[in-house]
Amino acid sequence: MPIHLTEEQLELRDLVHDFAQREIAPIALEWDQKNEAPMEIVRKTRRELGISGLTIPEEYGGLGLGTLELTIMTEEMSRACLGITLCYGVTYLGILPILKGGTPEQKKKWLSPVAAGEVGVSFCLSEPGAGSDVPGMSTVAEKKKDKYILNGTKAWITGGGTSDAYTVFAYTNKDRGPRGVSCFYVERNTPGLSLGKKEDKLGIRASDTRQVIFEDCEVPAENLLGRENMGFVYALQTLASSRSLVAGMGVGIAQAALDHAVRYAKEREQFGQKISNFQAIQHMLADMAIRTETSRSITYRAARADDKGAKDATKLASISKAYTSNCAVMNALDAIQIHGGYGYTREYPVEKLLRDAKILEIFEGTTQIQKNEIATAIIKESLSA
């Protein structure tokens, strides 16, 4: 049992666990094979479960909870299926720029429908030629009277084809570099906005990923989020908070891999006994448990640091994402190994865990980018000591 959780946090964990195992786990493989997002189910449960507004302040219709609660929820849902989890979780990322930089009026207008489970929002930062190199993006927004004209292409947008709106980053003054980036709230039906083809991915196939394209897309000036040229700050703040969320996904997959491996080891017989009696299998299970528990510990610590606005929150978020992503992949590999030949087939769920886990080492900043962030932080700390 995770330690130092309140009764309310434990109740949330149990509620989401029961929901995920009852509603998500049974359909996970079906929608993975379809390469489609089960949006009818997502929209229905988004309203009924009441978790869409988990981190939205109460004055805008949400529950007003923090990063730790969101991380706990994400862990339990990812334990059932990461792809379907992203159908729900993409909006938490999409609204972070609004939470970080929006005016009270913008928050009321855009967050209240999200809290009611009526609207999904995607985060649009990456581009075909600019992933981790955010300042290298080329999307621009030109001010014309009471509108901004957006031109550019965003790539690898989770929920790109299923969301109702997007928080879009674009240059409003490219001469200023990162200090010339702004963020806009763009509704899906805005003229000039179109969608690229759905990506045929290795994993997380139950979530829709595609390009979002802007061609002379006219956005009302009032949809400028917060202040002009502050978008890069909102993006950095968003990524710092979202990395604990991604780490929670890693914990969920690591735990799922361990669950399946233990269950199979207790059932499978070889040489006249359960393979759980073999020391080689026991050591693999022990390694998986070590990875899972240490991942959960650093992830919860990072989430708490984000909630408190701690000085080392960004460093801990990068550590948690880099570590748990690797642990999720390693646990999935070990689960396949314990299942033997069966683990390499779709008859058992562990091959899907590996396909899903790999994305955690890539999106929201690759593992290598996280190490850059960690190194920068510890060097800065040593200079100020």
Protein backbone atom coordinates (compact mmCIF):
# COMPACT_ATOMS: atom_id res chain seq x y z
CA MET A 1 0.00 0.00 0.00
CA PRO A 2 1.33 3.49 -0.82
CA ILE A 3 2.27 5.28 2.38
CA HIS A 4 1.38 8.79 3.50
CA LEU A 5 -1.84 9.05 1.53
CA THR A 6 -4.90 10.63 3.10
CA GLU A 7 -8.18 8.78 3.43
CA GLU A 8 -9.57 10.87 0.57
CA GLN A 9 -6.62 9.99 -1.66
CA LEU A 10 -7.01 6.30 -0.85
CA GLU A 11 -10.72 6.49 -1.65
CA LEU A 12 -9.93 8.13 -4.98
CA ARG A 13 -7.39 5.43 -5.77
CA ASP A 14 -9.85 2.66 -4.98
CA LEU A 15 -12.66 4.34 -6.94
CA VAL A 16 -10.52 4.75 -10.05
CA HIS A 17 -8.98 1.28 -9.69
CA ASP A 18 -12.42 -0.36 -9.60
CA PHE A 19 -13.62 1.74 -12.53
CA ALA A 20 -10.53 1.02 -14.63
CA GLN A 21 -10.59 -2.73 -14.01
CA ARG A 22 -14.32 -2.92 -14.67
CA GLU A 23 -14.66 -0.56 -17.64
CA ILE A 24 -11.25 -0.16 -19.28
CA ALA A 25 -9.32 -3.42 -18.87
CA PRO A 26 -11.94 -5.66 -20.58
CA ILE A 27 -11.97 -3.53 -23.77
CA ALA A 28 -8.27 -2.63 -23.91
CA LEU A 29 -7.15 -5.22 -26.46
CA GLU A 30 -10.21 -4.72 -28.66
CA TRP A 31 -9.61 -1.01 -29.15
CA ASP A 32 -5.85 -1.50 -29.45
CA GLN A 33 -6.47 -3.85 -32.38
CA LYS A 34 -9.02 -1.47 -33.91
CA ASN A 35 -6.52 1.38 -33.66
CA GLU A 36 -9.40 3.58 -32.58
CA ALA A 37 -10.30 5.66 -29.55
CA PRO A 38 -13.50 4.52 -27.75
CA MET A 39 -14.82 8.07 -27.53
CA GLU A 40 -18.47 7.19 -26.88
CA ILE A 41 -17.37 5.30 -23.78
CA VAL A 42 -14.92 8.04 -22.82
CA ARG A 43 -17.50 10.83 -23.09
CA LYS A 44 -20.08 8.82 -21.13
CA THR A 45 -17.77 7.93 -18.28
CA ARG A 46 -16.13 11.37 -18.29
CA ARG A 47 -19.48 12.77 -17.24
CA GLU A 48 -20.60 9.95 -14.97
CA LEU A 49 -17.34 9.40 -13.09
CA GLY A 50 -16.93 13.11 -12.43
CA ILE A 51 -13.15 13.13 -12.77
CA SER A 52 -12.82 15.51 -15.71
CA GLY A 53 -12.43 18.46 -13.39
CA LEU A 54 -10.12 16.79 -10.90
CA THR A 55 -7.53 19.59 -10.91
CA ILE A 56 -9.86 22.42 -11.93
CA PRO A 57 -10.57 24.87 -9.08
CA GLU A 58 -13.96 24.59 -7.42
CA GLU A 59 -15.04 28.06 -8.59
CA TYR A 60 -14.93 26.74 -12.16
CA GLY A 61 -16.86 23.56 -11.37
CA GLY A 62 -13.94 21.27 -10.60
CA LEU A 63 -12.83 19.33 -7.55
CA GLY A 64 -9.81 21.54 -6.84
CA LEU A 65 -7.42 18.66 -6.23
CA GLY A 66 -3.71 18.58 -7.01
CA THR A 67 -1.02 16.88 -9.04
CA LEU A 68 -0.70 14.03 -6.55
CA GLU A 69 -4.36 13.07 -6.85
CA LEU A 70 -4.14 13.30 -10.64
CA THR A 71 -1.03 11.11 -10.60
CA ILE A 72 -2.76 8.50 -8.44
CA MET A 73 -5.72 8.46 -10.82
CA THR A 74 -3.48 8.17 -13.87
CA GLU A 75 -1.50 5.33 -12.35
CA GLU A 76 -4.60 3.24 -11.74
CA MET A 77 -6.07 3.91 -15.18
CA SER A 78 -2.77 3.17 -16.94
CA ARG A 79 -2.65 -0.12 -15.08
CA ALA A 80 -5.69 -1.10 -17.19
CA CYS A 81 -4.72 0.48 -20.55
CA LEU A 82 -2.41 3.38 -21.32
CA GLY A 83 -4.00 4.07 -24.70
CA ILE A 84 -7.51 4.50 -23.32
CA THR A 85 -6.11 6.40 -20.33
CA LEU A 86 -4.74 8.99 -22.74
CA CYS A 87 -8.24 9.53 -24.13
CA TYR A 88 -9.11 10.87 -20.68
CA GLY A 89 -5.74 12.26 -19.66
CA VAL A 90 -5.01 14.32 -22.77
CA THR A 91 -7.36 17.02 -21.49
CA TYR A 92 -5.44 17.38 -18.23
CA LEU A 93 -2.41 18.30 -20.32
CA GLY A 94 -4.43 20.47 -22.67
CA ILE A 95 -5.88 22.64 -19.91
CA LEU A 96 -2.63 23.13 -18.00
CA PRO A 97 -1.70 26.27 -20.01
CA ILE A 98 -5.13 27.68 -19.10
CA LEU A 99 -4.57 26.89 -15.43
CA LYS A 100 -1.05 28.35 -15.56
CA GLY A 101 -1.71 31.53 -17.54
CA GLY A 102 -5.38 32.09 -18.19
CA THR A 103 -7.30 35.08 -16.85
CA PRO A 104 -10.18 34.42 -14.43
CA GLU A 105 -12.63 35.10 -17.27
CA GLN A 106 -10.86 32.65 -19.59
CA LYS A 107 -10.75 29.99 -16.90
CA LYS A 108 -14.47 30.29 -16.27
CA LYS A 109 -15.28 30.19 -19.98
CA TRP A 110 -13.01 27.31 -20.98
CA LEU A 111 -12.62 25.19 -17.84
CA SER A 112 -16.24 24.93 -16.74
CA PRO A 113 -17.28 22.80 -19.78
CA VAL A 114 -14.24 20.57 -19.19
CA ALA A 115 -15.20 20.07 -15.55
CA ALA A 116 -18.69 19.09 -16.68
CA GLY A 117 -17.20 16.40 -18.94
CA GLU A 118 -18.48 18.10 -22.07
CA VAL A 119 -15.22 19.24 -23.70
CA GLY A 120 -11.85 17.64 -24.37
CA VAL A 121 -8.72 19.73 -25.02
CA SER A 122 -5.41 18.80 -26.67
CA PHE A 123 -2.00 20.38 -26.10
CA CYS A 124 -0.38 21.55 -29.36
CA LEU A 125 3.34 22.25 -29.01
CA SER A 126 5.39 19.72 -31.02
CA GLU A 127 5.91 20.15 -34.76
CA PRO A 128 7.29 17.95 -37.57
CA GLY A 129 10.66 19.66 -37.27
CA ALA A 130 10.54 20.71 -33.61
CA GLY A 131 9.84 18.20 -30.86
CA SER A 132 12.06 18.74 -27.84
CA ASP A 133 13.52 21.81 -29.60
CA VAL A 134 10.55 24.00 -28.72
CA PRO A 135 12.16 27.31 -29.82
CA GLY A 136 12.72 25.71 -33.23
CA MET A 137 9.00 25.60 -34.01
CA SER A 138 7.72 27.51 -37.05
CA THR A 139 4.00 28.11 -36.36
CA VAL A 140 3.24 31.82 -36.36
CA ALA A 141 0.31 34.00 -35.29
CA GLU A 142 -0.04 37.41 -36.92
CA LYS A 143 -2.21 40.03 -35.24
CA LYS A 144 -4.76 41.67 -37.57
CA LYS A 145 -7.21 44.00 -35.86
CA ASP A 146 -9.27 41.87 -33.49
CA LYS A 147 -7.93 38.51 -34.70
CA TYR A 148 -4.77 36.45 -34.89
CA ILE A 149 -4.04 34.54 -38.11
CA LEU A 150 -2.37 31.20 -37.36
CA ASN A 151 -0.24 29.33 -39.88
CA GLY A 152 1.72 26.16 -39.20
CA THR A 153 1.51 22.46 -38.43
CA LYS A 154 1.54 20.73 -35.06
CA ALA A 155 2.58 17.08 -34.97
CA TRP A 156 2.14 14.05 -32.71
CA ILE A 157 -0.89 15.62 -31.06
CA THR A 158 -2.48 13.16 -28.66
CA GLY A 159 -6.24 13.39 -29.03
CA GLY A 160 -5.74 15.47 -32.17
CA GLY A 161 -8.71 13.95 -33.96
CA THR A 162 -11.01 13.54 -30.96
CA SER A 163 -10.60 16.75 -28.95
CA ASP A 164 -13.02 19.67 -29.12
CA ALA A 165 -10.39 22.38 -28.70
CA TYR A 166 -6.63 22.94 -28.59
CA THR A 167 -4.13 25.04 -26.67
CA VAL A 168 -1.78 26.09 -29.47
CA PHE A 169 1.67 27.64 -29.21
CA ALA A 170 2.86 29.99 -31.95
CA TYR A 171 5.31 32.81 -32.50
CA THR A 172 3.82 36.29 -32.25
CA ASN A 173 7.28 37.87 -32.43
CA LYS A 174 9.86 35.46 -33.84
CA ASP A 175 12.67 38.03 -33.51
CA ARG A 176 12.45 37.60 -29.74
CA GLY A 177 12.97 33.84 -29.88
CA PRO A 178 11.33 31.98 -26.96
CA ARG A 179 10.22 35.31 -25.53
CA GLY A 180 8.08 35.85 -28.60
CA VAL A 181 5.87 32.76 -28.21
CA SER A 182 2.18 33.04 -27.31
CA CYS A 183 -0.55 30.49 -26.57
CA PHE A 184 -4.05 30.40 -28.02
CA TYR A 185 -7.28 28.53 -27.30
CA VAL A 186 -8.56 27.29 -30.65
CA GLU A 187 -11.87 25.47 -31.10
CA ARG A 188 -11.93 22.52 -33.46
CA ASN A 189 -14.55 23.99 -35.79
CA THR A 190 -12.49 27.17 -36.42
CA PRO A 191 -12.17 27.81 -40.18
CA GLY A 192 -8.63 27.15 -41.36
CA LEU A 193 -8.04 24.32 -38.88
CA SER A 194 -7.74 20.83 -40.38
CA LEU A 195 -6.49 17.45 -39.28
CA GLY A 196 -3.76 15.25 -40.74
CA LYS A 197 -3.94 11.49 -41.10
CA LYS A 198 -4.21 9.35 -38.01
CA GLU A 199 -0.80 7.93 -37.08
CA ASP A 200 -0.47 4.12 -37.18
CA LYS A 201 1.51 3.70 -33.98
CA LEU A 202 3.41 0.87 -32.27
CA GLY A 203 1.50 1.32 -29.03
CA ILE A 204 -1.14 3.48 -27.31
CA ARG A 205 -3.25 2.61 -30.35
CA ALA A 206 -6.53 3.31 -28.55
CA SER A 207 -5.67 7.01 -28.50
CA ASP A 208 -5.86 9.21 -31.58
CA THR A 209 -2.57 10.85 -32.62
CA ARG A 210 -2.26 13.10 -35.67
CA GLN A 211 -1.19 16.46 -37.05
CA VAL A 212 -3.27 19.58 -36.46
CA ILE A 213 -2.84 22.02 -39.34
CA PHE A 214 -3.48 25.79 -39.37
CA GLU A 215 -3.88 27.57 -42.70
CA ASP A 216 -4.88 31.21 -42.33
CA CYS A 217 -6.79 30.10 -39.26
CA GLU A 218 -8.56 33.13 -37.76
CA VAL A 219 -8.64 33.12 -33.97
CA PRO A 220 -10.37 35.89 -31.97
CA ALA A 221 -7.90 38.10 -30.11
CA GLU A 222 -9.74 37.26 -26.88
CA ASN A 223 -8.54 33.67 -27.33
CA LEU A 224 -4.97 34.75 -26.66
CA LEU A 225 -4.26 32.90 -23.45
CA GLY A 226 -3.03 35.21 -20.71
CA ARG A 227 -0.48 37.68 -22.03
CA GLU A 228 1.13 37.94 -25.44
CA ASN A 229 4.68 36.52 -25.70
CA MET A 230 4.31 34.58 -22.42
CA GLY A 231 3.55 31.27 -24.11
CA PHE A 232 6.99 29.75 -23.63
CA VAL A 233 6.68 30.27 -19.87
CA TYR A 234 3.26 28.57 -19.90
CA ALA A 235 4.73 25.69 -21.93
CA LEU A 236 7.61 25.14 -19.51
CA GLN A 237 5.27 25.28 -16.51
CA THR A 238 2.93 22.83 -18.21
CA LEU A 239 5.68 20.34 -19.00
CA ALA A 240 7.07 20.55 -15.46
CA SER A 241 3.65 19.63 -14.03
CA SER A 242 2.78 17.03 -16.68
CA ARG A 243 5.94 14.97 -16.19
CA SER A 244 4.69 13.65 -12.86
CA LEU A 245 1.54 12.63 -14.71
CA VAL A 246 3.60 10.69 -17.28
CA ALA A 247 5.59 9.14 -14.45
CA GLY A 248 2.31 7.92 -12.97
CA MET A 249 1.59 6.22 -16.28
CA GLY A 250 4.94 4.44 -15.96
CA VAL A 251 4.09 3.26 -12.47
CA GLY A 252 0.76 1.92 -13.72
CA ILE A 253 2.38 -0.10 -16.51
CA ALA A 254 5.14 -1.35 -14.21
CA GLN A 255 2.52 -2.53 -11.70
CA ALA A 256 0.41 -4.15 -14.42
CA ALA A 257 3.44 -6.04 -15.73
CA LEU A 258 4.21 -7.29 -12.23
CA ASP A 259 0.57 -8.29 -11.66
CA HIS A 260 0.44 -10.34 -14.87
CA ALA A 261 3.85 -11.91 -14.27
CA VAL A 262 3.02 -13.04 -10.74
CA ARG A 263 -0.34 -14.42 -11.83
CA TYR A 264 1.19 -16.39 -14.69
CA ALA A 265 4.13 -17.67 -12.61
CA LYS A 266 1.71 -19.07 -10.04
CA GLU A 267 -0.30 -20.88 -12.75
CA ARG A 268 2.34 -22.12 -15.20
CA GLU A 269 3.91 -25.51 -14.52
CA GLN A 270 7.23 -26.80 -15.86
CA PHE A 271 9.28 -29.77 -14.73
CA GLY A 272 6.45 -30.83 -12.42
CA GLN A 273 6.12 -27.60 -10.44
CA LYS A 274 4.93 -24.00 -10.63
CA ILE A 275 7.53 -21.76 -12.23
CA SER A 276 7.06 -19.36 -9.30
CA ASN A 277 9.16 -21.90 -7.34
CA PHE A 278 12.19 -21.33 -9.58
CA GLN A 279 14.75 -18.95 -8.14
CA ALA A 280 15.42 -17.41 -11.55
CA ILE A 281 11.74 -16.43 -11.82
CA GLN A 282 11.65 -15.23 -8.22
CA HIS A 283 14.61 -12.92 -8.83
CA MET A 284 12.93 -11.45 -11.90
CA LEU A 285 9.75 -10.84 -9.91
CA ALA A 286 11.80 -9.26 -7.13
CA ASP A 287 13.49 -6.91 -9.61
CA MET A 288 10.10 -5.96 -11.00
CA ALA A 289 8.77 -5.22 -7.52
CA ILE A 290 11.83 -3.09 -6.70
CA ARG A 291 11.35 -1.04 -9.85
CA THR A 292 7.64 -0.60 -9.21
CA GLU A 293 7.96 0.51 -5.60
CA THR A 294 10.87 2.89 -6.20
CA SER A 295 9.04 4.33 -9.21
CA ARG A 296 5.94 4.98 -7.15
CA SER A 297 7.98 6.59 -4.38
CA ILE A 298 9.83 9.10 -6.58
CA THR A 299 6.67 9.82 -8.59
CA TYR A 300 4.58 10.66 -5.54
CA ARG A 301 7.44 12.79 -4.19
CA ALA A 302 7.63 14.71 -7.47
CA ALA A 303 3.85 15.21 -7.53
CA ARG A 304 3.86 16.54 -3.97
CA ALA A 305 6.72 18.90 -4.84
CA ASP A 306 4.69 20.27 -7.76
CA ASP A 307 1.66 20.81 -5.53
CA LYS A 308 3.79 22.73 -3.02
CA GLY A 309 5.63 24.73 -5.66
CA ALA A 310 8.90 23.41 -4.26
CA LYS A 311 12.19 24.75 -5.61
CA ASP A 312 13.26 21.30 -6.79
CA ALA A 313 9.90 20.38 -8.35
CA THR A 314 11.12 20.54 -11.95
CA LYS A 315 14.18 18.42 -11.20
CA LEU A 316 12.12 15.80 -9.35
CA ALA A 317 9.58 15.71 -12.18
CA SER A 318 12.35 14.97 -14.69
CA ILE A 319 13.88 12.33 -12.43
CA SER A 320 10.52 10.62 -11.95
CA LYS A 321 9.70 10.61 -15.66
CA ALA A 322 13.11 9.34 -16.75
CA TYR A 323 13.23 6.64 -14.09
CA THR A 324 9.68 5.33 -14.24
CA SER A 325 9.65 5.27 -18.05
CA ASN A 326 12.67 2.99 -18.07
CA CYS A 327 11.23 0.83 -15.28
CA ALA A 328 7.97 0.41 -17.19
CA VAL A 329 9.84 -0.84 -20.27
CA MET A 330 12.04 -3.17 -18.19
CA ASN A 331 9.08 -4.61 -16.31
CA ALA A 332 7.19 -5.21 -19.54
CA LEU A 333 10.22 -7.01 -20.98
CA ASP A 334 10.55 -9.19 -17.88
CA ALA A 335 6.83 -9.98 -17.93
CA ILE A 336 7.17 -11.19 -21.52
CA GLN A 337 10.20 -13.29 -20.58
CA ILE A 338 8.34 -14.93 -17.70
CA HIS A 339 5.44 -15.74 -20.03
CA GLY A 340 7.88 -17.31 -22.50
CA GLY A 341 6.49 -17.87 -25.99
CA TYR A 342 2.98 -16.98 -24.87
CA GLY A 343 4.20 -13.54 -23.86
CA TYR A 344 5.20 -12.88 -27.46
CA THR A 345 1.64 -13.40 -28.68
CA ARG A 346 -1.51 -11.34 -28.35
CA GLU A 347 -3.14 -14.18 -26.46
CA TYR A 348 -1.69 -12.60 -23.32
CA PRO A 349 -1.66 -8.86 -22.50
CA VAL A 350 2.04 -8.39 -21.73
CA GLU A 351 3.19 -7.72 -25.31
CA LYS A 352 0.82 -4.74 -25.37
CA LEU A 353 2.37 -3.41 -22.17
CA LEU A 354 5.75 -3.25 -23.90
CA ARG A 355 4.34 -1.53 -26.97
CA ASP A 356 2.57 1.02 -24.79
CA ALA A 357 5.46 1.57 -22.38
CA LYS A 358 7.93 2.68 -25.05
CA ILE A 359 6.13 5.98 -25.67
CA LEU A 360 6.85 7.03 -22.08
CA GLU A 361 10.54 7.32 -22.96
CA ILE A 362 9.66 9.62 -25.86
CA PHE A 363 6.73 11.99 -25.36
CA GLU A 364 6.61 14.96 -22.96
CA GLY A 365 10.37 15.19 -23.39
CA THR A 366 12.57 12.19 -24.19
CA THR A 367 14.61 10.45 -21.51
CA GLN A 368 17.69 12.20 -22.85
CA ILE A 369 16.03 15.62 -22.50
CA GLN A 370 15.08 14.72 -18.91
CA LYS A 371 18.73 13.96 -18.18
CA ASN A 372 19.69 17.35 -19.59
CA GLU A 373 17.18 18.97 -17.23
CA ILE A 374 18.41 16.95 -14.26
CA ALA A 375 22.07 17.72 -14.96
CA THR A 376 21.35 21.44 -15.38
CA ALA A 377 19.50 21.49 -12.06
CA ILE A 378 22.15 19.69 -10.02
CA ILE A 379 24.96 21.79 -11.51
CA LYS A 380 23.05 24.97 -10.66
CA GLU A 381 22.48 23.68 -7.13
CA SER A 382 26.17 22.98 -6.66
CA LEU A 383 27.12 26.48 -7.85
CA SER A 384 24.75 28.11 -5.38
CA ALA A 385 25.81 25.92 -2.45
